[in-house]
Amino acid sequence: MVLPLVDEHKPKCYLCHEGFETIEKLREHQNVKHGDVLESNERKTTREPAPGDVTVF
């Protein structure tokens, strides 16, 4: 079965796969519906070198 490529150019939420007309509407949706998920992911942004990583100066 082949699905048509209608609305492929519109932004889509990667959590619930709902499509939106503009990126602003997508941001608003993610802040309202998925705010807790996005906040928990933002806290994990501190990155450290993994064991065995080599730093080149």
N, C-alpha and C. Protein backbone atom coordinates (compact mmCIF):
# COMPACT_ATOMS: atom_id res chain seq x y z
N MET A 1 0.84 -1.16 0.00
CA MET A 1 0.00 0.00 0.00
C MET A 1 0.90 1.24 0.00
N VAL A 2 0.58 2.21 -0.83
CA VAL A 2 1.35 3.43 -0.95
C VAL A 2 0.50 4.59 -0.46
N LEU A 3 1.06 5.37 0.45
CA LEU A 3 0.34 6.53 0.98
C LEU A 3 0.74 7.78 0.21
N PRO A 4 -0.19 8.69 -0.02
CA PRO A 4 0.16 9.93 -0.73
C PRO A 4 1.06 10.83 0.13
N LEU A 5 1.86 11.63 -0.53
CA LEU A 5 2.78 12.52 0.17
C LEU A 5 2.13 13.88 0.45
N VAL A 6 0.90 13.87 0.87
CA VAL A 6 0.19 15.09 1.20
C VAL A 6 0.66 15.56 2.57
N ASP A 7 0.89 16.84 2.72
CA ASP A 7 1.31 17.46 3.97
C ASP A 7 2.70 17.03 4.41
N GLU A 8 3.55 16.59 3.52
CA GLU A 8 4.92 16.21 3.89
C GLU A 8 5.75 17.42 4.25
N HIS A 9 5.39 18.59 3.72
CA HIS A 9 6.16 19.80 3.97
C HIS A 9 5.80 20.47 5.28
N LYS A 10 4.74 20.03 5.94
CA LYS A 10 4.30 20.63 7.19
C LYS A 10 5.05 20.01 8.37
N PRO A 11 5.33 20.83 9.42
CA PRO A 11 6.02 20.29 10.60
C PRO A 11 5.16 19.27 11.33
N LYS A 12 5.82 18.28 11.91
CA LYS A 12 5.13 17.20 12.60
C LYS A 12 5.76 16.98 13.97
N CYS A 13 4.92 16.75 14.98
CA CYS A 13 5.40 16.47 16.32
C CYS A 13 6.03 15.08 16.33
N TYR A 14 7.26 14.97 16.82
CA TYR A 14 7.93 13.68 16.82
C TYR A 14 7.46 12.77 17.96
N LEU A 15 6.67 13.32 18.90
CA LEU A 15 6.18 12.51 20.01
C LEU A 15 4.83 11.86 19.69
N CYS A 16 3.91 12.63 19.08
CA CYS A 16 2.57 12.09 18.81
C CYS A 16 2.25 12.04 17.32
N HIS A 17 3.16 12.51 16.46
CA HIS A 17 3.03 12.47 15.00
C HIS A 17 1.84 13.27 14.47
N GLU A 18 1.46 14.32 15.19
CA GLU A 18 0.38 15.20 14.74
C GLU A 18 0.99 16.30 13.87
N GLY A 19 0.38 16.61 12.73
CA GLY A 19 0.89 17.63 11.82
C GLY A 19 0.33 19.01 12.14
N PHE A 20 1.09 20.07 11.80
CA PHE A 20 0.70 21.44 12.07
C PHE A 20 0.97 22.31 10.86
N GLU A 21 0.27 23.46 10.80
CA GLU A 21 0.42 24.38 9.68
C GLU A 21 1.75 25.13 9.73
N THR A 22 2.15 25.57 10.92
CA THR A 22 3.38 26.36 11.06
C THR A 22 4.22 25.82 12.20
N ILE A 23 5.48 26.22 12.22
CA ILE A 23 6.40 25.79 13.27
C ILE A 23 6.01 26.40 14.62
N GLU A 24 5.40 27.60 14.60
CA GLU A 24 4.97 28.23 15.84
C GLU A 24 3.86 27.42 16.51
N LYS A 25 2.94 26.90 15.71
CA LYS A 25 1.86 26.06 16.26
C LYS A 25 2.43 24.76 16.81
N LEU A 26 3.46 24.22 16.16
CA LEU A 26 4.11 23.01 16.66
C LEU A 26 4.78 23.28 18.00
N ARG A 27 5.49 24.41 18.12
CA ARG A 27 6.15 24.75 19.39
C ARG A 27 5.13 24.92 20.51
N GLU A 28 4.03 25.60 20.20
CA GLU A 28 2.98 25.79 21.20
C GLU A 28 2.40 24.45 21.65
N HIS A 29 2.14 23.55 20.69
CA HIS A 29 1.62 22.21 20.99
C HIS A 29 2.59 21.44 21.89
N GLN A 30 3.88 21.47 21.55
CA GLN A 30 4.85 20.72 22.34
C GLN A 30 4.99 21.28 23.75
N ASN A 31 4.91 22.60 23.90
CA ASN A 31 5.00 23.19 25.23
C ASN A 31 3.78 22.86 26.07
N VAL A 32 2.60 22.82 25.46
CA VAL A 32 1.37 22.56 26.20
C VAL A 32 1.19 21.06 26.48
N LYS A 33 1.28 20.24 25.44
CA LYS A 33 0.98 18.81 25.57
C LYS A 33 2.16 17.99 26.08
N HIS A 34 3.37 18.33 25.68
CA HIS A 34 4.53 17.51 25.99
C HIS A 34 5.58 18.27 26.80
N GLY A 35 5.16 19.26 27.56
CA GLY A 35 6.09 20.08 28.33
C GLY A 35 6.92 19.30 29.31
N ASP A 36 6.31 18.31 29.98
CA ASP A 36 7.05 17.52 30.96
C ASP A 36 8.13 16.67 30.31
N VAL A 37 7.86 16.14 29.13
CA VAL A 37 8.86 15.33 28.43
C VAL A 37 10.02 16.20 27.98
N LEU A 38 9.72 17.38 27.44
CA LEU A 38 10.77 18.27 26.97
C LEU A 38 11.62 18.78 28.12
N GLU A 39 11.02 19.07 29.26
CA GLU A 39 11.78 19.54 30.42
C GLU A 39 12.71 18.45 30.95
N SER A 40 12.26 17.21 30.98
CA SER A 40 13.11 16.14 31.48
C SER A 40 14.29 15.90 30.53
N ASN A 41 14.10 16.11 29.23
CA ASN A 41 15.20 15.95 28.28
C ASN A 41 16.19 17.10 28.36
N GLU A 42 15.72 18.30 28.69
CA GLU A 42 16.62 19.45 28.78
C GLU A 42 17.57 19.32 29.96
N ARG A 43 17.15 18.67 31.02
CA ARG A 43 18.00 18.51 32.19
C ARG A 43 19.20 17.61 31.92
N LYS A 44 19.12 16.76 30.93
CA LYS A 44 20.18 15.80 30.63
C LYS A 44 21.19 16.33 29.62
N THR A 45 21.26 17.65 29.45
CA THR A 45 22.12 18.20 28.42
C THR A 45 23.57 18.34 28.85
N THR A 46 23.88 18.12 30.12
CA THR A 46 25.28 18.18 30.54
C THR A 46 26.00 16.96 30.00
N ARG A 47 27.04 17.21 29.22
CA ARG A 47 27.77 16.12 28.60
C ARG A 47 29.20 16.12 29.11
N GLU A 48 29.70 14.95 29.32
CA GLU A 48 31.07 14.75 29.76
C GLU A 48 31.74 13.80 28.79
N PRO A 49 33.06 13.82 28.73
CA PRO A 49 33.75 12.87 27.87
C PRO A 49 33.52 11.43 28.33
N ALA A 50 33.34 10.56 27.39
CA ALA A 50 33.17 9.15 27.70
C ALA A 50 34.54 8.52 27.96
N PRO A 51 34.59 7.43 28.69
CA PRO A 51 35.88 6.76 28.89
C PRO A 51 36.48 6.35 27.55
N GLY A 52 37.72 6.69 27.34
CA GLY A 52 38.40 6.35 26.10
C GLY A 52 38.37 7.46 25.06
N ASP A 53 37.65 8.57 25.32
CA ASP A 53 37.64 9.68 24.39
C ASP A 53 39.03 10.33 24.34
N VAL A 54 39.43 10.75 23.18
CA VAL A 54 40.74 11.37 23.01
C VAL A 54 40.54 12.84 22.65
N THR A 55 41.22 13.72 23.35
CA THR A 55 41.14 15.14 23.06
C THR A 55 42.36 15.54 22.26
N VAL A 56 42.14 16.22 21.13
CA VAL A 56 43.22 16.66 20.27
C VAL A 56 43.35 18.17 20.43
N PHE A 57 44.55 18.62 20.74
CA PHE A 57 44.79 20.07 20.90
C PHE A 57 45.41 20.64 19.67
